[in-house]
Amino acid sequence: MRCKHFSPPSFSSSLVSRDNQTRQIQDAVSNVEKHFGELCQIFAGYVRKTARLRDKADLLVNEIYAYAATETPNLKVGLKNFADEFSRLQDYRQAEVDRLEAKVVEPLKSYGTIVKLKRVSQTCCLSQSALWGSGHLIEKFYFVMGEWL
């Protein structure tokens, strides 16, 4: 039984619209892939440099303690107090490194996996849409479905 009021939609406009949407999605995924990768690398470099600075400061604190051991009692107290305060500052720097790794670098790394999955999903969708290509299969689909409606 054929439905008299059924007619397939305009395929040329729907294909153009679909191609535009596909291109926009491809551009968005590429843009995220490029920029989030760069952000992740830069933040990771920042964290590494901050950690190296903390390590150098720890060496400096140890050297101040060594120097304080060789000085007069008054200077020794002052140098040890300075080294203690400087060491506390490095504890804050360590907390900064830990927070940056946990709250910034790790979430950005997870976006890399998400983008790869989106890229695979997009490739699958594009290969399926290539099967529908020029719309001939879609027209046949609507024709067959129209007979059943």
C-alpha atoms as a PDB file:
ATOM      1  CA  MET A   1       0.000   0.000   0.000  1.00  0.00           C
ATOM      2  CA  ARG A   2       1.479   3.342  -1.010  1.00  0.00           C
ATOM      3  CA  CYS A   3       1.009   6.548   0.984  1.00  0.00           C
ATOM      4  CA  LYS A   4      -0.249   9.268  -1.336  1.00  0.00           C
ATOM      5  CA  HIS A   5       0.988  12.154   0.766  1.00  0.00           C
ATOM      6  CA  PHE A   6       4.508  10.885   1.278  1.00  0.00           C
ATOM      7  CA  SER A   7       7.309  12.582  -0.579  1.00  0.00           C
ATOM      8  CA  PRO A   8      11.006  12.466   0.208  1.00  0.00           C
ATOM      9  CA  PRO A   9      12.609  15.693   1.428  1.00  0.00           C
ATOM     10  CA  SER A  10      14.787  17.848  -0.790  1.00  0.00           C
ATOM     11  CA  PHE A  11      18.018  15.896  -0.862  1.00  0.00           C
ATOM     12  CA  SER A  12      20.325  18.524  -2.293  1.00  0.00           C
ATOM     13  CA  SER A  13      19.647  20.994   0.511  1.00  0.00           C
ATOM     14  CA  SER A  14      19.814  18.330   3.216  1.00  0.00           C
ATOM     15  CA  LEU A  15      23.126  17.031   1.843  1.00  0.00           C
ATOM     16  CA  VAL A  16      24.614  20.532   1.759  1.00  0.00           C
ATOM     17  CA  SER A  17      23.392  21.142   5.297  1.00  0.00           C
ATOM     18  CA  ARG A  18      24.823  17.819   6.454  1.00  0.00           C
ATOM     19  CA  ASP A  19      28.161  18.567   4.764  1.00  0.00           C
ATOM     20  CA  ASN A  20      28.310  21.966   6.484  1.00  0.00           C
ATOM     21  CA  GLN A  21      27.562  20.395   9.850  1.00  0.00           C
ATOM     22  CA  THR A  22      30.185  17.713   9.255  1.00  0.00           C
ATOM     23  CA  ARG A  23      32.771  20.338   8.335  1.00  0.00           C
ATOM     24  CA  GLN A  24      31.950  22.374  11.449  1.00  0.00           C
ATOM     25  CA  ILE A  25      32.321  19.307  13.653  1.00  0.00           C
ATOM     26  CA  GLN A  26      35.630  18.395  11.998  1.00  0.00           C
ATOM     27  CA  ASP A  27      36.917  21.949  12.510  1.00  0.00           C
ATOM     28  CA  ALA A  28      35.816  21.981  16.151  1.00  0.00           C
ATOM     29  CA  VAL A  29      37.515  18.657  16.905  1.00  0.00           C
ATOM     30  CA  SER A  30      40.706  19.751  15.130  1.00  0.00           C
ATOM     31  CA  ASN A  31      40.687  23.062  16.995  1.00  0.00           C
ATOM     32  CA  VAL A  32      40.286  21.371  20.379  1.00  0.00           C
ATOM     33  CA  GLU A  33      42.908  18.789  19.481  1.00  0.00           C
ATOM     34  CA  LYS A  34      45.431  21.477  18.590  1.00  0.00           C
ATOM     35  CA  HIS A  35      44.847  23.927  21.436  1.00  0.00           C
ATOM     36  CA  PHE A  36      44.263  21.501  24.300  1.00  0.00           C
ATOM     37  CA  GLY A  37      47.419  19.632  23.338  1.00  0.00           C
ATOM     38  CA  GLU A  38      49.375  22.872  23.462  1.00  0.00           C
ATOM     39  CA  LEU A  39      47.798  23.867  26.790  1.00  0.00           C
ATOM     40  CA  CYS A  40      48.609  20.490  28.290  1.00  0.00           C
ATOM     41  CA  GLN A  41      52.243  20.684  27.183  1.00  0.00           C
ATOM     42  CA  ILE A  42      52.681  24.236  28.457  1.00  0.00           C
ATOM     43  CA  PHE A  43      51.080  23.523  31.835  1.00  0.00           C
ATOM     44  CA  ALA A  44      53.140  20.354  32.226  1.00  0.00           C
ATOM     45  CA  GLY A  45      56.294  22.352  31.449  1.00  0.00           C
ATOM     46  CA  TYR A  46      55.275  24.992  33.986  1.00  0.00           C
ATOM     47  CA  VAL A  47      54.757  22.319  36.640  1.00  0.00           C
ATOM     48  CA  ARG A  48      58.138  20.733  35.876  1.00  0.00           C
ATOM     49  CA  LYS A  49      59.913  24.089  36.099  1.00  0.00           C
ATOM     50  CA  THR A  50      58.138  24.939  39.349  1.00  0.00           C
ATOM     51  CA  ALA A  51      59.197  21.570  40.765  1.00  0.00           C
ATOM     52  CA  ARG A  52      62.812  22.195  39.685  1.00  0.00           C
ATOM     53  CA  LEU A  53      62.706  25.610  41.341  1.00  0.00           C
ATOM     54  CA  ARG A  54      61.484  23.931  44.523  1.00  0.00           C
ATOM     55  CA  ASP A  55      64.358  21.436  44.299  1.00  0.00           C
ATOM     56  CA  LYS A  56      66.903  24.244  43.887  1.00  0.00           C
ATOM     57  CA  ALA A  57      65.401  26.056  46.859  1.00  0.00           C
ATOM     58  CA  ASP A  58      65.768  22.873  48.938  1.00  0.00           C
ATOM     59  CA  LEU A  59      69.449  22.774  47.991  1.00  0.00           C
ATOM     60  CA  LEU A  60      69.737  26.423  49.007  1.00  0.00           C
ATOM     61  CA  VAL A  61      68.127  25.701  52.399  1.00  0.00           C
ATOM     62  CA  ASN A  62      70.573  22.842  52.998  1.00  0.00           C
ATOM     63  CA  GLU A  63      73.500  25.103  52.111  1.00  0.00           C
ATOM     64  CA  ILE A  64      72.228  27.812  54.470  1.00  0.00           C
ATOM     65  CA  TYR A  65      72.044  25.227  57.279  1.00  0.00           C
ATOM     66  CA  ALA A  66      75.596  24.099  56.485  1.00  0.00           C
ATOM     67  CA  TYR A  67      76.827  27.689  56.516  1.00  0.00           C
ATOM     68  CA  ALA A  68      74.958  28.411  59.771  1.00  0.00           C
ATOM     69  CA  ALA A  69      76.775  25.515  61.449  1.00  0.00           C
ATOM     70  CA  THR A  70      80.106  27.268  60.879  1.00  0.00           C
ATOM     71  CA  GLU A  71      79.101  30.730  62.123  1.00  0.00           C
ATOM     72  CA  THR A  72      78.840  32.527  65.458  1.00  0.00           C
ATOM     73  CA  PRO A  73      75.815  31.790  67.680  1.00  0.00           C
ATOM     74  CA  ASN A  74      73.909  34.993  66.817  1.00  0.00           C
ATOM     75  CA  LEU A  75      74.378  34.621  63.057  1.00  0.00           C
ATOM     76  CA  LYS A  76      73.647  30.885  63.353  1.00  0.00           C
ATOM     77  CA  VAL A  77      70.209  31.585  64.877  1.00  0.00           C
ATOM     78  CA  GLY A  78      69.389  34.163  62.209  1.00  0.00           C
ATOM     79  CA  LEU A  79      70.468  31.898  59.338  1.00  0.00           C
ATOM     80  CA  LYS A  80      68.535  28.917  60.726  1.00  0.00           C
ATOM     81  CA  ASN A  81      65.412  31.052  61.139  1.00  0.00           C
ATOM     82  CA  PHE A  82      65.787  32.288  57.576  1.00  0.00           C
ATOM     83  CA  ALA A  83      66.308  28.718  56.301  1.00  0.00           C
ATOM     84  CA  ASP A  84      63.224  27.523  58.221  1.00  0.00           C
ATOM     85  CA  GLU A  85      61.038  30.259  56.718  1.00  0.00           C
ATOM     86  CA  PHE A  86      62.427  29.651  53.247  1.00  0.00           C
ATOM     87  CA  SER A  87      61.742  25.945  53.679  1.00  0.00           C
ATOM     88  CA  ARG A  88      58.107  26.711  54.583  1.00  0.00           C
ATOM     89  CA  LEU A  89      57.797  28.700  51.375  1.00  0.00           C
ATOM     90  CA  GLN A  90      58.967  25.639  49.474  1.00  0.00           C
ATOM     91  CA  ASP A  91      56.238  23.595  51.172  1.00  0.00           C
ATOM     92  CA  TYR A  92      53.732  25.986  49.583  1.00  0.00           C
ATOM     93  CA  ARG A  93      55.482  25.590  46.261  1.00  0.00           C
ATOM     94  CA  GLN A  94      55.158  21.801  46.602  1.00  0.00           C
ATOM     95  CA  ALA A  95      51.455  22.201  47.309  1.00  0.00           C
ATOM     96  CA  GLU A  96      51.184  24.364  44.181  1.00  0.00           C
ATOM     97  CA  VAL A  97      52.892  21.668  42.097  1.00  0.00           C
ATOM     98  CA  ASP A  98      50.585  18.978  43.489  1.00  0.00           C
ATOM     99  CA  ARG A  99      47.459  21.063  42.873  1.00  0.00           C
ATOM    100  CA  LEU A 100      48.496  21.970  39.328  1.00  0.00           C
ATOM    101  CA  GLU A 101      49.146  18.342  38.473  1.00  0.00           C
ATOM    102  CA  ALA A 102      45.862  17.156  39.992  1.00  0.00           C
ATOM    103  CA  LYS A 103      43.544  20.000  38.958  1.00  0.00           C
ATOM    104  CA  VAL A 104      44.980  21.161  35.635  1.00  0.00           C
ATOM    105  CA  VAL A 105      47.387  18.759  33.938  1.00  0.00           C
ATOM    106  CA  GLU A 106      45.506  15.502  34.576  1.00  0.00           C
ATOM    107  CA  PRO A 107      42.108  16.854  33.389  1.00  0.00           C
ATOM    108  CA  LEU A 108      43.759  18.258  30.258  1.00  0.00           C
ATOM    109  CA  LYS A 109      45.343  14.866  29.590  1.00  0.00           C
ATOM    110  CA  SER A 110      41.917  13.243  29.770  1.00  0.00           C
ATOM    111  CA  TYR A 111      40.713  15.564  27.009  1.00  0.00           C
ATOM    112  CA  GLY A 112      43.305  13.979  24.731  1.00  0.00           C
ATOM    113  CA  THR A 113      41.544  10.635  25.090  1.00  0.00           C
ATOM    114  CA  ILE A 114      38.142  12.230  24.583  1.00  0.00           C
ATOM    115  CA  VAL A 115      39.311  14.000  21.413  1.00  0.00           C
ATOM    116  CA  LYS A 116      40.737  10.745  20.033  1.00  0.00           C
ATOM    117  CA  LEU A 117      37.423   8.998  20.673  1.00  0.00           C
ATOM    118  CA  LYS A 118      35.538  11.841  18.973  1.00  0.00           C
ATOM    119  CA  ARG A 119      37.895  11.619  16.003  1.00  0.00           C
ATOM    120  CA  VAL A 120      37.220   7.863  15.683  1.00  0.00           C
ATOM    121  CA  SER A 121      33.483   8.428  16.052  1.00  0.00           C
ATOM    122  CA  GLN A 122      33.633  11.153  13.429  1.00  0.00           C
ATOM    123  CA  THR A 123      35.543   8.882  11.035  1.00  0.00           C
ATOM    124  CA  CYS A 124      32.930   6.152  11.462  1.00  0.00           C
ATOM    125  CA  CYS A 125      30.130   8.614  10.800  1.00  0.00           C
ATOM    126  CA  LEU A 126      31.871   9.987   7.713  1.00  0.00           C
ATOM    127  CA  SER A 127      32.377   6.511   6.290  1.00  0.00           C
ATOM    128  CA  GLN A 128      28.687   5.764   6.837  1.00  0.00           C
ATOM    129  CA  SER A 129      27.659   9.025   5.231  1.00  0.00           C
ATOM    130  CA  ALA A 130      29.856   8.168   2.239  1.00  0.00           C
ATOM    131  CA  LEU A 131      27.651   5.128   1.739  1.00  0.00           C
ATOM    132  CA  TRP A 132      24.655   7.445   1.486  1.00  0.00           C
ATOM    133  CA  GLY A 133      26.753   9.730  -0.712  1.00  0.00           C
ATOM    134  CA  SER A 134      24.811  11.507  -3.393  1.00  0.00           C
ATOM    135  CA  GLY A 135      21.430  10.716  -1.954  1.00  0.00           C
ATOM    136  CA  HIS A 136      20.493   7.870  -4.298  1.00  0.00           C
ATOM    137  CA  LEU A 137      20.409   5.364  -1.452  1.00  0.00           C
ATOM    138  CA  ILE A 138      18.375   7.797   0.624  1.00  0.00           C
ATOM    139  CA  GLU A 139      15.883   8.240  -2.213  1.00  0.00           C
ATOM    140  CA  LYS A 140      15.582   4.455  -2.541  1.00  0.00           C
ATOM    141  CA  PHE A 141      15.111   4.210   1.229  1.00  0.00           C
ATOM    142  CA  TYR A 142      12.293   6.769   1.186  1.00  0.00           C
ATOM    143  CA  PHE A 143      10.724   5.101  -1.844  1.00  0.00           C
ATOM    144  CA  VAL A 144      10.708   1.715  -0.134  1.00  0.00           C
ATOM    145  CA  MET A 145       9.506   3.198   3.129  1.00  0.00           C
ATOM    146  CA  GLY A 146       6.854   5.174   1.271  1.00  0.00           C
ATOM    147  CA  GLU A 147       5.368   1.965  -0.072  1.00  0.00           C
ATOM    148  CA  TRP A 148       5.110   0.606   3.465  1.00  0.00           C
ATOM    149  CA  LEU A 149       3.586   3.751   4.972  1.00  0.00           C
END
